[in-house]
Amino acid sequence: MSELLKQPHLIEKATEELDRVIGRNRWVEERDLEQLPYVDAIMKETMRKHPVAVMLAPHLALEDCNAGGYDICKGTRVFINTWSMGRDPSLWDAPDEFRPERFLGKAIDVKGQSFELLPFGSGRRMCPEDLNMEEVFGLTTPRKFPLVAVMEPRLPTHLY
């Protein structure tokens, strides 16, 4: 939310896309998401720059292997730092800037197939999508000064 507030033109672009694709007479549904590439790009850029967890769940090498030019011995515990991946200049142009456009027209998913963006991990230990995730246990970094959003209704009252 902070990134969008710092760049109001991003909110305008997302709102234009929502109005054009969805209109103002119904809620967005999951089936609509593939028709909302800019909203999708904002979500991916948010996960890239501000990952929910800095480190993914640790993995254990079951055998000697080589990953990314590094020799990893059997029994080594491997941690993946998603925070540093999201700021790696060899993966991202201007990584410290919030630019959703970097995802437009690119087939980068969040389910572990695109290794430059792994917000939920990858493989057998990635976040399962069929669990109710209403309450999550984990480490977070709360804002020093909480940011409060005030909703302004845009849809007809019968939808609220």
C-alpha atoms as a PDB file:
ATOM      1  CA  MET A   1       0.000   0.000   0.000  1.00  0.00           C
ATOM      2  CA  SER A   2       2.854   2.377   0.796  1.00  0.00           C
ATOM      3  CA  GLU A   3       4.406   1.863  -2.631  1.00  0.00           C
ATOM      4  CA  LEU A   4       1.113   2.717  -4.327  1.00  0.00           C
ATOM      5  CA  LEU A   5       0.575   5.791  -2.167  1.00  0.00           C
ATOM      6  CA  LYS A   6       4.030   7.062  -3.141  1.00  0.00           C
ATOM      7  CA  GLN A   7       3.116   6.685  -6.829  1.00  0.00           C
ATOM      8  CA  PRO A   8      -0.580   7.599  -7.290  1.00  0.00           C
ATOM      9  CA  HIS A   9      -0.346   7.101 -11.058  1.00  0.00           C
ATOM     10  CA  LEU A  10      -0.057   3.349 -10.364  1.00  0.00           C
ATOM     11  CA  ILE A  11      -3.383   3.415  -8.509  1.00  0.00           C
ATOM     12  CA  GLU A  12      -4.931   5.291 -11.436  1.00  0.00           C
ATOM     13  CA  LYS A  13      -3.699   2.685 -13.948  1.00  0.00           C
ATOM     14  CA  ALA A  14      -4.994  -0.193 -11.812  1.00  0.00           C
ATOM     15  CA  THR A  15      -8.342   1.560 -11.305  1.00  0.00           C
ATOM     16  CA  GLU A  16      -8.681   2.171 -15.049  1.00  0.00           C
ATOM     17  CA  GLU A  17      -8.002  -1.513 -15.731  1.00  0.00           C
ATOM     18  CA  LEU A  18     -10.528  -2.617 -13.095  1.00  0.00           C
ATOM     19  CA  ASP A  19     -13.193  -0.244 -14.440  1.00  0.00           C
ATOM     20  CA  ARG A  20     -12.579  -1.376 -18.031  1.00  0.00           C
ATOM     21  CA  VAL A  21     -12.523  -5.131 -17.334  1.00  0.00           C
ATOM     22  CA  ILE A  22     -14.838  -5.494 -14.311  1.00  0.00           C
ATOM     23  CA  GLY A  23     -16.867  -2.305 -14.247  1.00  0.00           C
ATOM     24  CA  ARG A  24     -18.476  -1.002 -11.102  1.00  0.00           C
ATOM     25  CA  ASN A  25     -21.426  -3.347 -10.795  1.00  0.00           C
ATOM     26  CA  ARG A  26     -19.747  -6.415  -9.292  1.00  0.00           C
ATOM     27  CA  TRP A  27     -16.797  -7.635  -7.234  1.00  0.00           C
ATOM     28  CA  VAL A  28     -13.613  -8.984  -8.803  1.00  0.00           C
ATOM     29  CA  GLU A  29     -13.632 -12.790  -8.883  1.00  0.00           C
ATOM     30  CA  GLU A  30     -10.694 -15.162  -9.168  1.00  0.00           C
ATOM     31  CA  ARG A  31     -11.643 -16.010 -12.762  1.00  0.00           C
ATOM     32  CA  ASP A  32     -11.151 -12.312 -13.651  1.00  0.00           C
ATOM     33  CA  LEU A  33      -7.482 -12.205 -12.651  1.00  0.00           C
ATOM     34  CA  GLU A  34      -6.094 -13.411 -15.987  1.00  0.00           C
ATOM     35  CA  GLN A  35      -7.779 -10.401 -17.620  1.00  0.00           C
ATOM     36  CA  LEU A  36      -6.140  -7.970 -15.163  1.00  0.00           C
ATOM     37  CA  PRO A  37      -2.440  -7.988 -16.130  1.00  0.00           C
ATOM     38  CA  TYR A  38      -1.629  -4.657 -14.484  1.00  0.00           C
ATOM     39  CA  VAL A  39      -3.231  -5.617 -11.156  1.00  0.00           C
ATOM     40  CA  ASP A  40      -1.356  -8.935 -11.391  1.00  0.00           C
ATOM     41  CA  ALA A  41       1.897  -7.055 -12.063  1.00  0.00           C
ATOM     42  CA  ILE A  42       1.332  -4.885  -8.966  1.00  0.00           C
ATOM     43  CA  MET A  43       0.854  -8.009  -6.826  1.00  0.00           C
ATOM     44  CA  LYS A  44       4.009  -9.648  -8.213  1.00  0.00           C
ATOM     45  CA  GLU A  45       6.074  -6.479  -7.806  1.00  0.00           C
ATOM     46  CA  THR A  46       4.854  -6.218  -4.199  1.00  0.00           C
ATOM     47  CA  MET A  47       5.917  -9.826  -3.523  1.00  0.00           C
ATOM     48  CA  ARG A  48       9.290  -9.168  -5.182  1.00  0.00           C
ATOM     49  CA  LYS A  49      10.150  -6.026  -3.254  1.00  0.00           C
ATOM     50  CA  HIS A  50       8.420  -6.852   0.042  1.00  0.00           C
ATOM     51  CA  PRO A  51       8.389 -10.647   0.505  1.00  0.00           C
ATOM     52  CA  VAL A  52       6.225 -12.015   3.309  1.00  0.00           C
ATOM     53  CA  ALA A  53       9.167 -14.034   4.618  1.00  0.00           C
ATOM     54  CA  VAL A  54      12.799 -13.029   4.134  1.00  0.00           C
ATOM     55  CA  MET A  55      13.898 -16.679   4.089  1.00  0.00           C
ATOM     56  CA  LEU A  56      12.089 -19.685   2.671  1.00  0.00           C
ATOM     57  CA  ALA A  57      11.812 -22.876   4.711  1.00  0.00           C
ATOM     58  CA  PRO A  58      15.243 -24.513   4.991  1.00  0.00           C
ATOM     59  CA  HIS A  59      16.058 -27.444   2.719  1.00  0.00           C
ATOM     60  CA  LEU A  60      18.523 -30.273   3.320  1.00  0.00           C
ATOM     61  CA  ALA A  61      20.753 -31.574   0.516  1.00  0.00           C
ATOM     62  CA  LEU A  62      20.143 -35.328   0.325  1.00  0.00           C
ATOM     63  CA  GLU A  63      23.205 -35.842  -1.863  1.00  0.00           C
ATOM     64  CA  ASP A  64      26.208 -33.900  -3.127  1.00  0.00           C
ATOM     65  CA  CYS A  65      25.104 -31.518  -5.869  1.00  0.00           C
ATOM     66  CA  ASN A  66      25.913 -28.301  -7.694  1.00  0.00           C
ATOM     67  CA  ALA A  67      23.505 -25.365  -7.743  1.00  0.00           C
ATOM     68  CA  GLY A  68      24.297 -22.115  -9.507  1.00  0.00           C
ATOM     69  CA  GLY A  69      27.989 -22.992  -9.683  1.00  0.00           C
ATOM     70  CA  TYR A  70      28.205 -23.799  -5.964  1.00  0.00           C
ATOM     71  CA  ASP A  71      29.132 -27.275  -4.716  1.00  0.00           C
ATOM     72  CA  ILE A  72      26.701 -28.316  -1.999  1.00  0.00           C
ATOM     73  CA  CYS A  73      27.655 -31.300   0.143  1.00  0.00           C
ATOM     74  CA  LYS A  74      25.197 -33.934   1.285  1.00  0.00           C
ATOM     75  CA  GLY A  75      23.688 -32.940   4.640  1.00  0.00           C
ATOM     76  CA  THR A  76      24.067 -29.195   4.069  1.00  0.00           C
ATOM     77  CA  ARG A  77      21.134 -27.085   5.202  1.00  0.00           C
ATOM     78  CA  VAL A  78      20.245 -24.596   2.443  1.00  0.00           C
ATOM     79  CA  PHE A  79      18.397 -21.331   3.042  1.00  0.00           C
ATOM     80  CA  ILE A  80      16.954 -19.248   0.198  1.00  0.00           C
ATOM     81  CA  ASN A  81      16.916 -15.509   0.842  1.00  0.00           C
ATOM     82  CA  THR A  82      13.893 -14.174  -1.071  1.00  0.00           C
ATOM     83  CA  TRP A  83      14.592 -10.619   0.089  1.00  0.00           C
ATOM     84  CA  SER A  84      18.002 -10.552  -1.593  1.00  0.00           C
ATOM     85  CA  MET A  85      16.652 -12.323  -4.697  1.00  0.00           C
ATOM     86  CA  GLY A  86      14.136  -9.509  -5.119  1.00  0.00           C
ATOM     87  CA  ARG A  87      16.928  -6.932  -4.988  1.00  0.00           C
ATOM     88  CA  ASP A  88      19.490  -8.727  -7.141  1.00  0.00           C
ATOM     89  CA  PRO A  89      20.597  -6.383  -9.962  1.00  0.00           C
ATOM     90  CA  SER A  90      21.600  -9.385 -12.078  1.00  0.00           C
ATOM     91  CA  LEU A  91      17.921 -10.438 -12.072  1.00  0.00           C
ATOM     92  CA  TRP A  92      16.116  -7.095 -11.923  1.00  0.00           C
ATOM     93  CA  ASP A  93      16.718  -3.748 -13.606  1.00  0.00           C
ATOM     94  CA  ALA A  94      16.613  -0.964 -10.964  1.00  0.00           C
ATOM     95  CA  PRO A  95      15.702  -3.443  -8.186  1.00  0.00           C
ATOM     96  CA  ASP A  96      15.122  -0.771  -5.523  1.00  0.00           C
ATOM     97  CA  GLU A  97      12.388   0.883  -7.585  1.00  0.00           C
ATOM     98  CA  PHE A  98       8.754  -0.231  -7.407  1.00  0.00           C
ATOM     99  CA  ARG A  99       7.894  -0.790 -11.084  1.00  0.00           C
ATOM    100  CA  PRO A 100       5.019  -3.207 -11.776  1.00  0.00           C
ATOM    101  CA  GLU A 101       5.595  -2.783 -15.524  1.00  0.00           C
ATOM    102  CA  ARG A 102       8.613  -5.083 -15.248  1.00  0.00           C
ATOM    103  CA  PHE A 103       6.168  -8.021 -15.103  1.00  0.00           C
ATOM    104  CA  LEU A 104       3.962  -7.046 -18.051  1.00  0.00           C
ATOM    105  CA  GLY A 105       4.291  -9.418 -21.000  1.00  0.00           C
ATOM    106  CA  LYS A 106       6.495 -11.835 -19.046  1.00  0.00           C
ATOM    107  CA  ALA A 107       5.544 -15.348 -17.997  1.00  0.00           C
ATOM    108  CA  ILE A 108       6.837 -15.066 -14.420  1.00  0.00           C
ATOM    109  CA  ASP A 109       4.629 -17.011 -12.027  1.00  0.00           C
ATOM    110  CA  VAL A 110       4.559 -17.142  -8.226  1.00  0.00           C
ATOM    111  CA  LYS A 111       4.127 -20.912  -7.909  1.00  0.00           C
ATOM    112  CA  GLY A 112       7.787 -21.869  -8.022  1.00  0.00           C
ATOM    113  CA  GLN A 113       8.377 -22.202 -11.769  1.00  0.00           C
ATOM    114  CA  SER A 114      10.081 -18.816 -12.157  1.00  0.00           C
ATOM    115  CA  PHE A 115      13.107 -18.908  -9.891  1.00  0.00           C
ATOM    116  CA  GLU A 116      13.613 -15.144  -9.888  1.00  0.00           C
ATOM    117  CA  LEU A 117      10.350 -14.802  -7.911  1.00  0.00           C
ATOM    118  CA  LEU A 118       9.659 -17.400  -5.200  1.00  0.00           C
ATOM    119  CA  PRO A 119       7.324 -15.769  -2.658  1.00  0.00           C
ATOM    120  CA  PHE A 120       5.866 -19.137  -1.612  1.00  0.00           C
ATOM    121  CA  GLY A 121       8.877 -21.352  -2.220  1.00  0.00           C
ATOM    122  CA  SER A 122       9.114 -24.130  -4.768  1.00  0.00           C
ATOM    123  CA  GLY A 123       8.840 -27.873  -5.015  1.00  0.00           C
ATOM    124  CA  ARG A 124       7.294 -30.181  -2.437  1.00  0.00           C
ATOM    125  CA  ARG A 125       7.707 -27.754   0.454  1.00  0.00           C
ATOM    126  CA  MET A 126       6.187 -24.688  -1.156  1.00  0.00           C
ATOM    127  CA  CYS A 127       3.156 -23.095   0.477  1.00  0.00           C
ATOM    128  CA  PRO A 128       0.201 -25.392  -0.278  1.00  0.00           C
ATOM    129  CA  GLU A 129      -2.603 -23.467  -1.933  1.00  0.00           C
ATOM    130  CA  ASP A 130      -5.451 -25.611  -0.667  1.00  0.00           C
ATOM    131  CA  LEU A 131      -5.061 -24.651   3.007  1.00  0.00           C
ATOM    132  CA  ASN A 132      -7.113 -21.989   4.755  1.00  0.00           C
ATOM    133  CA  MET A 133      -4.551 -19.251   5.331  1.00  0.00           C
ATOM    134  CA  GLU A 134      -6.745 -16.781   7.249  1.00  0.00           C
ATOM    135  CA  GLU A 135      -4.382 -16.844  10.216  1.00  0.00           C
ATOM    136  CA  VAL A 136      -0.678 -17.300   9.661  1.00  0.00           C
ATOM    137  CA  PHE A 137       2.062 -17.884  12.213  1.00  0.00           C
ATOM    138  CA  GLY A 138       5.361 -16.287  11.292  1.00  0.00           C
ATOM    139  CA  LEU A 139       7.837 -13.502  11.822  1.00  0.00           C
ATOM    140  CA  THR A 140       6.866 -10.074  10.560  1.00  0.00           C
ATOM    141  CA  THR A 141       8.341  -6.623  10.621  1.00  0.00           C
ATOM    142  CA  PRO A 142       5.615  -4.204  11.676  1.00  0.00           C
ATOM    143  CA  ARG A 143       5.784  -0.610  10.527  1.00  0.00           C
ATOM    144  CA  LYS A 144       7.227   1.830  13.052  1.00  0.00           C
ATOM    145  CA  PHE A 145       4.237   4.083  12.369  1.00  0.00           C
ATOM    146  CA  PRO A 146       1.142   2.109  11.304  1.00  0.00           C
ATOM    147  CA  LEU A 147      -0.357   3.053   7.960  1.00  0.00           C
ATOM    148  CA  VAL A 148      -4.133   3.398   8.045  1.00  0.00           C
ATOM    149  CA  ALA A 149      -6.229   3.149   4.887  1.00  0.00           C
ATOM    150  CA  VAL A 150      -9.599   4.844   4.660  1.00  0.00           C
ATOM    151  CA  MET A 151     -11.917   3.110   2.215  1.00  0.00           C
ATOM    152  CA  GLU A 152     -13.903   5.226  -0.186  1.00  0.00           C
ATOM    153  CA  PRO A 153     -16.842   3.284  -1.679  1.00  0.00           C
ATOM    154  CA  ARG A 154     -16.817   3.142  -5.483  1.00  0.00           C
ATOM    155  CA  LEU A 155     -19.323   0.369  -6.127  1.00  0.00           C
ATOM    156  CA  PRO A 156     -23.101   0.416  -5.702  1.00  0.00           C
ATOM    157  CA  THR A 157     -24.181   0.052  -2.066  1.00  0.00           C
ATOM    158  CA  HIS A 158     -25.928  -3.301  -2.658  1.00  0.00           C
ATOM    159  CA  LEU A 159     -22.489  -4.896  -3.186  1.00  0.00           C
ATOM    160  CA  TYR A 160     -21.263  -3.991   0.303  1.00  0.00           C
END
